């Protein structure tokens, strides 16, 4: 393992790790996280394992992307509700907000 390519070489050597495998979690071209796998014994290149871990990474990035979109939608709906209940000029509660308050009481 080259010292330039991995910043925790001393920790890896001290732990006796022989195999390191890392896969990025990408969302819209941005790396959000990196999944790292370590093994105490050497592991030859295994295309099936690489394919499996890449599939897991792809599923995770899809899940994270959907959760980010869901959160953005919640925030947009919250802002829309705020705008729907405020007068645009005075920024005080409008008639709709007054009607809802009466209904709730």
Protein backbone atom coordinates (compact mmCIF):
# COMPACT_ATOMS: atom_id res chain seq x y z
CA UNK A 1 0.00 0.00 0.00
CA UNK A 2 1.41 3.40 -0.94
CA UNK A 3 1.62 5.93 1.85
CA UNK A 4 0.38 8.71 -0.45
CA UNK A 5 -2.84 6.93 -1.39
CA UNK A 6 -4.27 6.28 2.08
CA UNK A 7 -3.96 8.69 4.97
CA UNK A 8 -4.31 6.09 7.74
CA UNK A 9 -1.55 3.71 6.68
CA UNK A 10 -0.08 3.44 10.19
CA UNK A 11 -3.45 2.45 11.67
CA UNK A 12 -4.00 -0.14 8.95
CA UNK A 13 -0.54 -1.62 9.44
CA UNK A 14 -0.87 -1.67 13.24
CA UNK A 15 -4.21 -3.50 12.97
CA UNK A 16 -2.71 -6.05 10.59
CA UNK A 17 -5.19 -5.33 7.82
CA UNK A 18 -4.24 -6.72 4.41
CA UNK A 19 -7.17 -5.76 2.19
CA UNK A 20 -8.90 -2.41 1.79
CA UNK A 21 -11.88 -1.92 -0.49
CA UNK A 22 -13.63 1.45 -0.80
CA UNK A 23 -16.69 2.44 -2.81
CA UNK A 24 -18.01 6.00 -3.10
CA UNK A 25 -21.66 6.87 -2.59
CA UNK A 26 -22.44 9.35 -5.38
CA UNK A 27 -25.47 11.59 -5.65
CA UNK A 28 -25.78 13.69 -8.79
CA UNK A 29 -22.04 13.50 -9.39
CA UNK A 30 -21.10 14.50 -5.84
CA UNK A 31 -19.44 12.07 -3.46
CA UNK A 32 -21.54 12.04 -0.30
CA UNK A 33 -19.75 9.23 1.54
CA UNK A 34 -17.30 6.40 1.02
CA UNK A 35 -17.97 2.85 2.21
CA UNK A 36 -14.72 1.22 3.31
CA UNK A 37 -14.23 -2.49 3.93
CA UNK A 38 -11.15 -3.94 5.62
CA UNK A 39 -9.97 -7.54 5.92
CA UNK A 40 -7.20 -9.15 7.94
CA UNK A 41 -6.21 -11.51 5.14
CA UNK A 42 -5.32 -10.76 1.52
CA UNK A 43 -8.25 -10.98 -0.88
CA UNK A 44 -7.75 -11.42 -4.62
CA UNK A 45 -9.77 -9.28 -7.00
CA UNK A 46 -13.31 -10.65 -7.15
CA UNK A 47 -15.50 -9.13 -9.90
CA UNK A 48 -18.69 -10.56 -8.38
CA UNK A 49 -17.93 -8.92 -5.03
CA UNK A 50 -17.17 -5.63 -6.74
CA UNK A 51 -20.45 -5.83 -8.63
CA UNK A 52 -22.39 -6.65 -5.44
CA UNK A 53 -20.87 -3.79 -3.44
CA UNK A 54 -21.42 -1.38 -6.34
CA UNK A 55 -25.07 -2.45 -6.45
CA UNK A 56 -25.38 -1.78 -2.70
CA UNK A 57 -23.73 1.62 -3.15
CA UNK A 58 -26.12 2.45 -5.99
CA UNK A 59 -29.14 1.48 -3.86
CA UNK A 60 -27.84 3.56 -0.95
CA UNK A 61 -27.29 6.59 -3.15
CA UNK A 62 -30.84 6.22 -4.50
CA UNK A 63 -32.25 5.96 -0.98
CA UNK A 64 -30.28 8.96 0.25
CA UNK A 65 -31.30 10.95 -2.83
CA UNK A 66 -34.97 10.15 -2.26
CA UNK A 67 -34.70 11.14 1.41
CA UNK A 68 -33.05 14.44 0.44
CA UNK A 69 -35.82 15.10 -2.10
CA UNK A 70 -38.47 14.21 0.49
CA UNK A 71 -36.94 16.65 2.99
CA UNK A 72 -36.76 19.40 0.36
CA UNK A 73 -40.43 18.78 -0.48
CA UNK A 74 -41.40 19.02 3.20
CA UNK A 75 -39.55 22.32 3.51
CA UNK A 76 -41.16 23.66 0.32
CA UNK A 77 -44.64 22.68 1.58
CA UNK A 78 -43.93 24.34 4.93
CA UNK A 79 -42.90 27.54 3.16
CA UNK A 80 -45.95 27.35 0.88
CA UNK A 81 -48.23 27.03 3.91
CA UNK A 82 -46.54 30.01 5.53
CA UNK A 83 -46.99 32.09 2.37
CA UNK A 84 -50.62 30.98 2.00
CA UNK A 85 -51.42 32.22 5.53
CA UNK A 86 -49.64 35.58 5.38
CA UNK A 87 -50.60 38.76 3.63
CA UNK A 88 -47.87 39.50 1.09
CA UNK A 89 -47.80 43.22 1.79
CA UNK A 90 -48.18 43.41 5.57
CA UNK A 91 -46.71 40.00 6.48
CA UNK A 92 -49.48 39.45 9.04
CA UNK A 93 -51.98 36.60 9.19
CA UNK A 94 -54.57 36.79 6.41
CA UNK A 95 -58.27 35.91 6.30
CA UNK A 96 -57.54 32.23 5.56
CA UNK A 97 -55.42 31.95 8.71
CA UNK A 98 -58.15 33.69 10.72
CA UNK A 99 -60.78 31.23 9.39
CA UNK A 100 -58.58 28.22 10.28
CA UNK A 101 -58.02 29.58 13.79
CA UNK A 102 -61.78 29.90 14.30
CA UNK A 103 -62.34 26.36 13.00
CA UNK A 104 -59.74 24.93 15.40
CA UNK A 105 -61.32 26.59 18.44
